[in-house]
N, C-alpha and C. Protein backbone atom coordinates (compact mmCIF):
# COMPACT_ATOMS: atom_id res chain seq x y z
N MET A 1 0.55 -1.48 -0.18
CA MET A 1 -0.08 -0.08 0.07
C MET A 1 1.21 1.42 0.31
N PRO A 2 0.62 2.95 -0.94
CA PRO A 2 1.56 3.75 -1.32
C PRO A 2 1.20 4.20 0.18
N LYS A 3 1.93 5.05 0.63
CA LYS A 3 2.10 6.10 1.23
C LYS A 3 1.42 7.06 1.32
N THR A 4 0.43 7.31 2.83
CA THR A 4 -0.08 9.28 2.25
C THR A 4 -0.08 9.76 2.30
N LEU A 5 1.49 9.96 3.80
CA LEU A 5 1.61 11.65 4.02
C LEU A 5 0.19 11.82 4.80
N GLY A 6 -0.77 11.47 4.99
CA GLY A 6 -1.39 12.50 5.82
C GLY A 6 -2.86 13.08 5.01
N LEU A 7 -2.04 12.95 3.68
CA LEU A 7 -3.50 12.95 2.09
C LEU A 7 -4.48 12.48 2.57
N PRO A 8 -5.58 12.73 2.32
CA PRO A 8 -6.95 12.09 2.42
C PRO A 8 -6.80 11.13 0.90
N GLN A 9 -7.47 9.35 0.92
CA GLN A 9 -6.42 9.29 -0.40
C GLN A 9 -8.67 8.34 -0.79
N ARG A 10 -8.41 8.23 -2.08
CA ARG A 10 -10.13 7.55 -2.57
C ARG A 10 -9.66 5.71 -2.24
N GLU A 11 -10.50 5.62 -2.07
CA GLU A 11 -11.01 3.96 -1.49
C GLU A 11 -11.36 4.08 -2.38
N HIS A 12 -10.74 2.13 -3.61
CA HIS A 12 -11.52 1.85 -4.98
C HIS A 12 -12.76 2.36 -5.22
N ASN A 13 -13.98 2.48 -6.05
CA ASN A 13 -15.17 2.98 -5.70
C ASN A 13 -15.38 3.64 -4.56
N GLY A 14 -15.03 3.85 -3.87
CA GLY A 14 -15.51 4.00 -2.17
C GLY A 14 -15.87 5.56 -2.43
N PRO A 15 -15.55 6.64 -1.18
CA PRO A 15 -15.98 7.53 -0.96
C PRO A 15 -14.02 7.97 -0.54
N THR A 16 -13.74 9.27 -0.09
CA THR A 16 -12.83 9.77 0.41
C THR A 16 -11.79 9.07 1.97
N LEU A 17 -11.76 9.19 1.34
CA LEU A 17 -11.02 8.54 3.44
C LEU A 17 -10.52 9.98 3.82
N PRO A 18 -10.92 9.95 5.75
CA PRO A 18 -10.77 10.88 6.15
C PRO A 18 -9.59 11.82 6.57
N GLY A 19 -9.02 13.18 6.78
CA GLY A 19 -7.88 13.22 6.70
C GLY A 19 -7.84 12.87 8.43
N THR A 20 -6.21 13.07 8.99
CA THR A 20 -6.03 12.99 9.78
C THR A 20 -5.22 13.65 11.35
N GLY A 21 -5.96 15.29 10.64
CA GLY A 21 -5.49 15.48 11.89
C GLY A 21 -4.44 17.24 11.85
N LEU A 22 -4.46 17.62 12.82
CA LEU A 22 -3.27 18.55 11.76
C LEU A 22 -1.71 18.83 12.55
N ASP A 23 -0.72 19.09 12.08
CA ASP A 23 -0.21 18.91 12.79
C ASP A 23 0.30 20.34 13.44
N GLY A 24 -0.24 21.55 13.60
CA GLY A 24 -0.12 22.63 14.24
C GLY A 24 0.93 23.70 13.74
N ARG A 25 0.53 23.49 12.12
CA ARG A 25 1.21 24.24 11.41
C ARG A 25 -0.02 25.47 10.32
N THR A 26 -1.64 24.01 9.90
CA THR A 26 -2.42 24.87 9.12
C THR A 26 -3.23 25.68 10.16
N VAL A 27 -4.36 25.88 9.49
CA VAL A 27 -5.55 26.27 10.23
C VAL A 27 -7.06 26.24 10.57
N GLU A 28 -7.07 25.15 9.01
CA GLU A 28 -8.34 24.72 8.80
C GLU A 28 -8.48 23.33 9.84
N PRO A 29 -9.69 23.26 10.41
CA PRO A 29 -10.23 22.06 11.54
C PRO A 29 -9.60 20.70 10.00
N ASN A 30 -9.90 20.81 8.99
CA ASN A 30 -10.80 19.71 8.27
C ASN A 30 -9.56 19.66 7.00
N VAL A 31 -8.01 19.78 7.46
CA VAL A 31 -6.92 19.90 6.67
C VAL A 31 -5.92 18.16 7.43
N PRO A 32 -5.30 17.78 6.51
CA PRO A 32 -5.00 16.65 7.30
C PRO A 32 -3.77 17.09 7.77
N ALA A 33 -3.14 16.42 8.74
CA ALA A 33 -1.46 16.42 8.63
C ALA A 33 -0.99 16.31 7.01
N GLY A 34 0.71 16.99 6.80
CA GLY A 34 0.85 16.42 6.05
C GLY A 34 2.82 17.25 5.82
N PRO A 35 2.70 16.60 4.81
CA PRO A 35 4.23 17.84 4.38
C PRO A 35 4.70 19.00 4.64
N TRP A 36 3.52 19.60 4.94
CA TRP A 36 3.29 20.93 4.36
C TRP A 36 4.79 22.09 4.73
N PRO A 37 4.91 23.12 4.26
CA PRO A 37 6.59 23.79 4.18
C PRO A 37 6.13 24.57 5.30
N ARG A 38 7.13 24.89 6.20
CA ARG A 38 7.67 25.69 7.62
C ARG A 38 6.94 27.19 6.95
N CYS A 39 6.59 27.29 6.57
CA CYS A 39 5.82 28.68 6.46
C CYS A 39 4.67 28.53 5.67
N THR A 40 3.80 27.39 5.59
CA THR A 40 2.82 27.72 5.58
C THR A 40 1.86 28.09 5.98
N THR A 41 0.67 28.99 6.23
CA THR A 41 -0.09 29.65 7.05
C THR A 41 -1.02 29.32 6.94
N GLY A 42 -2.13 28.71 6.09
CA GLY A 42 -3.69 27.99 5.82
C GLY A 42 -3.32 26.97 5.24
N ALA A 43 -4.11 26.52 5.14
CA ALA A 43 -5.04 25.40 4.75
C ALA A 43 -6.09 24.50 4.41
N ARG A 44 -7.07 24.20 3.05
CA ARG A 44 -7.94 24.24 3.21
C ARG A 44 -8.48 22.52 2.21
N ARG A 45 -9.29 21.79 3.18
CA ARG A 45 -9.21 20.67 1.66
C ARG A 45 -10.32 20.07 0.96
N PHE A 46 -10.44 20.19 -0.01
CA PHE A 46 -11.48 19.97 -0.72
C PHE A 46 -11.70 18.50 -1.78
N GLY A 47 -12.11 17.43 -0.63
CA GLY A 47 -11.84 16.65 -1.31
C GLY A 47 -10.39 15.69 -0.82
N THR A 48 -10.27 15.18 -2.56
CA THR A 48 -9.20 15.57 -2.36
C THR A 48 -7.50 16.13 -2.90
N LEU A 49 -8.29 16.94 -3.10
CA LEU A 49 -7.76 18.91 -2.91
C LEU A 49 -7.22 19.72 -2.27
N ILE A 50 -5.97 20.17 -1.96
CA ILE A 50 -5.12 20.94 -1.30
C ILE A 50 -4.91 22.46 -0.90
N HIS A 51 -5.85 22.97 -1.06
CA HIS A 51 -5.46 24.34 -0.94
C HIS A 51 -3.85 25.20 -0.26
N LEU A 52 -3.25 25.74 0.25
CA LEU A 52 -1.88 25.44 1.17
C LEU A 52 -1.63 27.54 0.93
N THR A 53 -1.40 28.40 1.38
CA THR A 53 -1.09 30.10 0.66
C THR A 53 -0.23 29.98 2.26
N GLY A 54 0.38 30.80 1.89
CA GLY A 54 2.18 31.07 2.92
C GLY A 54 2.60 32.17 2.06
N PRO A 55 3.87 32.17 2.44
CA PRO A 55 4.79 32.96 1.81
C PRO A 55 5.68 31.96 0.81
N PHE A 56 5.46 31.01 -0.20
CA PHE A 56 5.80 29.87 -0.97
C PHE A 56 7.37 30.07 -1.40
N SER A 57 8.16 29.66 -1.62
CA SER A 57 9.39 29.70 -2.61
C SER A 57 10.18 28.95 -3.65
N LEU A 58 10.50 29.11 -4.68
CA LEU A 58 10.17 27.92 -4.91
C LEU A 58 11.28 26.09 -4.75
N VAL A 59 12.25 26.56 -3.20
CA VAL A 59 12.25 25.23 -2.41
C VAL A 59 11.58 24.80 -2.16
N ASP A 60 10.00 25.48 -1.34
CA ASP A 60 9.13 25.06 -1.34
C ASP A 60 8.90 24.45 -2.01
N LEU A 61 8.49 24.22 -3.19
CA LEU A 61 6.87 24.23 -4.56
C LEU A 61 8.62 22.67 -4.85
N ALA A 62 9.53 22.00 -4.53
CA ALA A 62 9.82 21.49 -5.47
C ALA A 62 10.22 20.85 -3.71
N GLU A 63 10.12 20.45 -2.21
CA GLU A 63 10.05 20.11 -1.75
C GLU A 63 9.10 18.83 -1.31
N LEU A 64 8.20 20.02 -1.78
CA LEU A 64 6.22 19.20 -1.37
C LEU A 64 6.33 18.30 -2.58
N ARG A 65 6.70 18.80 -3.60
CA ARG A 65 6.93 17.84 -4.92
C ARG A 65 6.94 17.03 -4.48
N ASN A 66 8.87 16.67 -4.30
CA ASN A 66 9.78 14.77 -3.95
C ASN A 66 8.77 14.48 -2.52
N ALA A 67 8.11 15.12 -1.70
CA ALA A 67 7.41 14.35 -0.13
C ALA A 67 6.15 14.11 -1.24
N LEU A 68 5.18 14.74 -2.20
CA LEU A 68 4.19 14.38 -2.68
C LEU A 68 4.51 13.50 -4.12
N SER A 69 5.45 11.77 -4.08
CA SER A 69 5.44 12.76 -5.32
C SER A 69 4.72 12.08 -6.55
N GLY A 70 3.61 10.57 -5.76
CA GLY A 70 2.67 11.11 -6.70
C GLY A 70 1.15 11.58 -7.14
N ARG A 71 1.31 12.75 -6.44
CA ARG A 71 0.33 13.84 -7.02
C ARG A 71 0.73 15.24 -6.79
N PRO A 72 0.11 15.45 -8.37
CA PRO A 72 1.04 16.95 -9.13
C PRO A 72 0.09 18.21 -8.15
N VAL A 73 1.67 18.95 -8.13
CA VAL A 73 1.43 20.12 -7.12
C VAL A 73 2.00 21.01 -7.74
N THR A 74 0.70 22.19 -8.15
CA THR A 74 1.38 23.82 -8.27
C THR A 74 1.41 24.54 -7.45
N ARG A 75 2.46 25.80 -8.12
CA ARG A 75 1.95 27.22 -7.35
C ARG A 75 2.32 28.38 -7.63
N THR A 76 0.45 29.31 -7.44
CA THR A 76 1.14 30.33 -7.37
C THR A 76 0.77 32.15 -6.97
N GLY A 77 2.13 32.64 -7.39
CA GLY A 77 2.31 33.50 -6.26
C GLY A 77 1.92 32.91 -4.73
N GLU A 78 1.50 33.39 -3.99
CA GLU A 78 1.73 32.82 -2.68
C GLU A 78 0.10 31.54 -2.22
N SER A 79 0.56 30.50 -3.10
CA SER A 79 -0.48 29.31 -2.81
C SER A 79 0.04 28.75 -3.38
N MET A 80 -0.14 27.51 -2.98
CA MET A 80 -0.06 25.84 -3.79
C MET A 80 -1.12 25.33 -3.63
N THR A 81 -1.13 24.26 -4.87
CA THR A 81 -2.35 23.39 -5.16
C THR A 81 -1.38 21.53 -5.26
N VAL A 82 -2.91 20.86 -4.02
CA VAL A 82 -2.30 19.84 -4.07
C VAL A 82 -3.50 18.63 -4.66
N TRP A 83 -3.38 18.55 -6.21
CA TRP A 83 -4.29 18.84 -7.53
C TRP A 83 -5.42 17.24 -6.56
N PRO A 84 -6.35 17.07 -7.61
CA PRO A 84 -7.25 15.76 -7.02
C PRO A 84 -6.18 14.26 -6.82
N ALA A 85 -6.62 13.54 -6.42
CA ALA A 85 -6.71 11.88 -6.29
C ALA A 85 -6.30 11.62 -8.59
N GLY A 86 -6.73 12.02 -8.83
CA GLY A 86 -7.11 11.33 -10.07
C GLY A 86 -6.17 12.24 -11.38
N THR A 87 -5.90 13.08 -10.66
CA THR A 87 -4.76 13.96 -11.83
C THR A 87 -3.80 13.27 -11.67
N GLY A 88 -2.62 12.59 -13.38
CA GLY A 88 -2.22 13.07 -13.06
C GLY A 88 -0.60 13.91 -13.40
N SER A 89 -0.80 15.06 -14.23
CA SER A 89 0.03 15.67 -14.86
C SER A 89 -0.71 17.58 -14.03
N ALA A 90 -0.11 18.24 -14.13
CA ALA A 90 -0.79 20.12 -13.88
C ALA A 90 -0.57 20.84 -14.05
N VAL A 91 -0.19 22.01 -14.64
CA VAL A 91 0.18 22.74 -15.52
C VAL A 91 0.18 24.26 -15.55
N THR A 92 0.53 25.27 -14.85
CA THR A 92 0.20 26.64 -14.48
C THR A 92 1.18 27.72 -15.88
N TYR A 93 -0.15 28.43 -16.69
CA TYR A 93 0.61 29.72 -17.33
C TYR A 93 0.32 30.41 -16.41
N ASP A 94 1.51 31.99 -17.40
CA ASP A 94 1.13 33.03 -17.02
C ASP A 94 0.14 34.06 -17.06
N ASN A 95 -0.45 33.22 -17.76
CA ASN A 95 -1.69 34.60 -18.20
C ASN A 95 -3.05 34.00 -16.55
N GLY A 96 -2.44 32.76 -16.22
CA GLY A 96 -3.61 32.38 -15.04
C GLY A 96 -4.01 31.21 -15.23
N LEU A 97 -4.26 30.92 -16.99
CA LEU A 97 -4.97 29.21 -17.17
C LEU A 97 -4.18 27.86 -16.21
N ILE A 98 -5.13 27.17 -15.92
CA ILE A 98 -4.23 26.13 -15.45
C ILE A 98 -4.76 24.75 -15.58
N SER A 99 -3.82 23.38 -16.29
CA SER A 99 -4.61 22.07 -17.43
C SER A 99 -3.85 21.19 -16.74
N LEU A 100 -5.80 20.52 -16.38
CA LEU A 100 -5.15 19.15 -15.68
C LEU A 100 -5.44 17.71 -16.11
N ARG A 101 -4.48 17.29 -16.46
CA ARG A 101 -4.99 16.09 -17.06
C ARG A 101 -4.74 14.86 -16.38
N GLY A 102 -5.59 14.07 -16.46
CA GLY A 102 -6.14 12.62 -15.95
C GLY A 102 -7.43 11.64 -15.27
N VAL A 103 -7.72 10.76 -14.85
CA VAL A 103 -9.39 10.52 -14.75
C VAL A 103 -9.88 11.10 -13.85
N PHE A 104 -10.48 11.78 -14.32
CA PHE A 104 -11.46 13.46 -13.08
C PHE A 104 -12.45 11.81 -12.90
N ASP A 105 -13.54 11.77 -11.52
CA ASP A 105 -15.52 11.88 -11.30
C ASP A 105 -15.73 12.74 -11.29
N GLU A 106 -16.43 13.19 -10.79
CA GLU A 106 -17.06 14.36 -10.19
C GLU A 106 -16.69 14.28 -9.35
N ARG A 107 -16.10 13.96 -7.87
CA ARG A 107 -15.68 14.53 -6.58
C ARG A 107 -14.69 15.11 -7.07
N ASP A 108 -14.13 14.73 -8.26
CA ASP A 108 -12.58 15.85 -8.31
C ASP A 108 -13.28 16.87 -9.08
N LEU A 109 -14.02 16.64 -9.77
CA LEU A 109 -14.19 18.04 -10.29
C LEU A 109 -15.50 19.12 -9.54
N GLY A 110 -16.07 18.11 -8.93
CA GLY A 110 -16.51 18.73 -7.78
C GLY A 110 -15.51 19.40 -6.21
N ALA A 111 -14.36 18.79 -6.04
CA ALA A 111 -13.73 19.35 -5.12
C ALA A 111 -12.86 21.46 -6.19
N VAL A 112 -12.13 20.70 -7.45
CA VAL A 112 -11.66 21.44 -8.00
C VAL A 112 -12.73 22.99 -8.37
N ARG A 113 -14.25 22.77 -8.65
CA ARG A 113 -15.06 23.54 -8.44
C ARG A 113 -15.49 24.25 -6.96
N ALA A 114 -14.67 24.04 -6.26
CA ALA A 114 -15.34 24.40 -4.59
C ALA A 114 -13.38 25.23 -4.61
N ALA A 115 -12.91 25.01 -4.59
CA ALA A 115 -11.14 25.67 -4.62
C ALA A 115 -11.34 26.04 -5.50
N TYR A 116 -11.49 27.33 -7.03
CA TYR A 116 -11.70 27.64 -8.12
C TYR A 116 -12.70 28.69 -7.91
N PRO A 117 -13.53 29.13 -6.79
CA PRO A 117 -15.26 29.63 -6.89
C PRO A 117 -15.03 30.12 -8.69
N GLY A 118 -15.77 30.56 -9.34
CA GLY A 118 -15.28 31.59 -9.80
C GLY A 118 -15.01 32.11 -11.51
N TRP A 119 -14.47 30.79 -11.21
CA TRP A 119 -13.29 30.00 -12.66
C TRP A 119 -13.53 29.64 -13.57
N GLN A 120 -13.80 29.25 -15.28
CA GLN A 120 -14.72 28.79 -15.55
C GLN A 120 -13.78 27.48 -15.58
N LEU A 121 -14.93 26.33 -16.07
CA LEU A 121 -14.39 24.78 -16.42
C LEU A 121 -14.20 25.28 -17.69
N HIS A 122 -13.67 23.06 -17.88
CA HIS A 122 -13.94 23.71 -19.70
C HIS A 122 -13.18 22.14 -18.78
N VAL A 123 -14.16 20.78 -19.11
CA VAL A 123 -13.81 19.38 -19.70
C VAL A 123 -13.63 18.96 -20.89
N THR A 124 -12.62 18.49 -21.01
CA THR A 124 -13.07 17.38 -22.63
C THR A 124 -12.32 16.36 -22.62
N GLY A 125 -13.29 14.73 -22.19
CA GLY A 125 -12.36 13.28 -21.80
C GLY A 125 -11.21 13.63 -20.75
N GLY A 126 -9.90 13.57 -20.70
CA GLY A 126 -9.15 13.12 -19.40
C GLY A 126 -8.26 15.41 -19.04
N THR A 127 -8.93 15.70 -19.81
CA THR A 127 -8.90 16.79 -19.65
C THR A 127 -9.40 18.35 -18.66
N VAL A 128 -8.75 19.28 -18.16
CA VAL A 128 -10.42 20.08 -17.33
C VAL A 128 -9.07 21.53 -17.79
N MET A 129 -9.11 22.06 -18.27
CA MET A 129 -8.96 23.16 -18.35
C MET A 129 -9.39 25.32 -17.43
N LEU A 130 -9.19 24.90 -16.72
CA LEU A 130 -8.97 25.34 -15.76
C LEU A 130 -8.77 27.40 -15.88
N ARG A 131 -9.92 27.64 -16.56
CA ARG A 131 -9.75 29.70 -16.39
C ARG A 131 -10.37 30.72 -15.72
N PRO A 132 -9.49 31.78 -15.35
CA PRO A 132 -9.84 32.78 -14.24
C PRO A 132 -10.29 33.41 -14.53
N PRO A 133 -10.98 34.11 -12.99
CA PRO A 133 -12.46 35.43 -14.09
C PRO A 133 -11.57 36.59 -14.71
N ALA A 134 -12.93 36.86 -15.63
CA ALA A 134 -12.35 38.20 -16.65
C ALA A 134 -12.17 39.33 -15.09
N GLY A 135 -10.70 40.42 -16.25
CA GLY A 135 -11.34 41.75 -15.31
C GLY A 135 -12.14 42.35 -16.21
N PRO A 136 -11.75 43.81 -15.57
CA PRO A 136 -12.59 44.20 -15.54
C PRO A 136 -13.36 45.22 -17.17
N GLU A 137 -12.33 44.26 -17.77
CA GLU A 137 -12.72 45.31 -19.22
C GLU A 137 -12.25 43.39 -20.43
N GLY A 138 -12.78 42.14 -19.53
CA GLY A 138 -12.65 40.84 -20.18
C GLY A 138 -11.77 40.49 -19.74
N GLN A 139 -10.26 41.18 -19.87
CA GLN A 139 -9.14 40.26 -20.44
C GLN A 139 -8.45 39.58 -19.16
N GLN A 140 -7.77 38.57 -19.22
CA GLN A 140 -7.44 37.96 -18.17
C GLN A 140 -6.52 38.94 -17.38
N PRO A 141 -6.22 37.77 -16.17
CA PRO A 141 -4.81 38.22 -14.95
C PRO A 141 -3.37 38.18 -16.11
């Protein structure tokens, strides 16, 4: 059985398993303990998606990716996202667009929608594209 590092994992064709508690560095009570960077100031769980906030560096991103080698992790500004269990790869672009590839069920898509309210979600087969809300003049940030 693979190491979970405290992250919620999905049972085969079953519900998401609950988290295991806090490690003292996160502020949301529903976030499991994990190998979060010391500078983490907040964390929220949406199904198997974890959204962290803090003044993260590229070193923090590399260390978290190494610790969670089976899960894609991306960094945008002062946030990092551990993508849902069905995600095989995740890419963020300078214009804010996010591309996910994998095998997504409704729980995965619901987690993404909950974590990114107001974003446009386009699903085509095993690809999910997230587009940030348009700015005041219809331009992407």
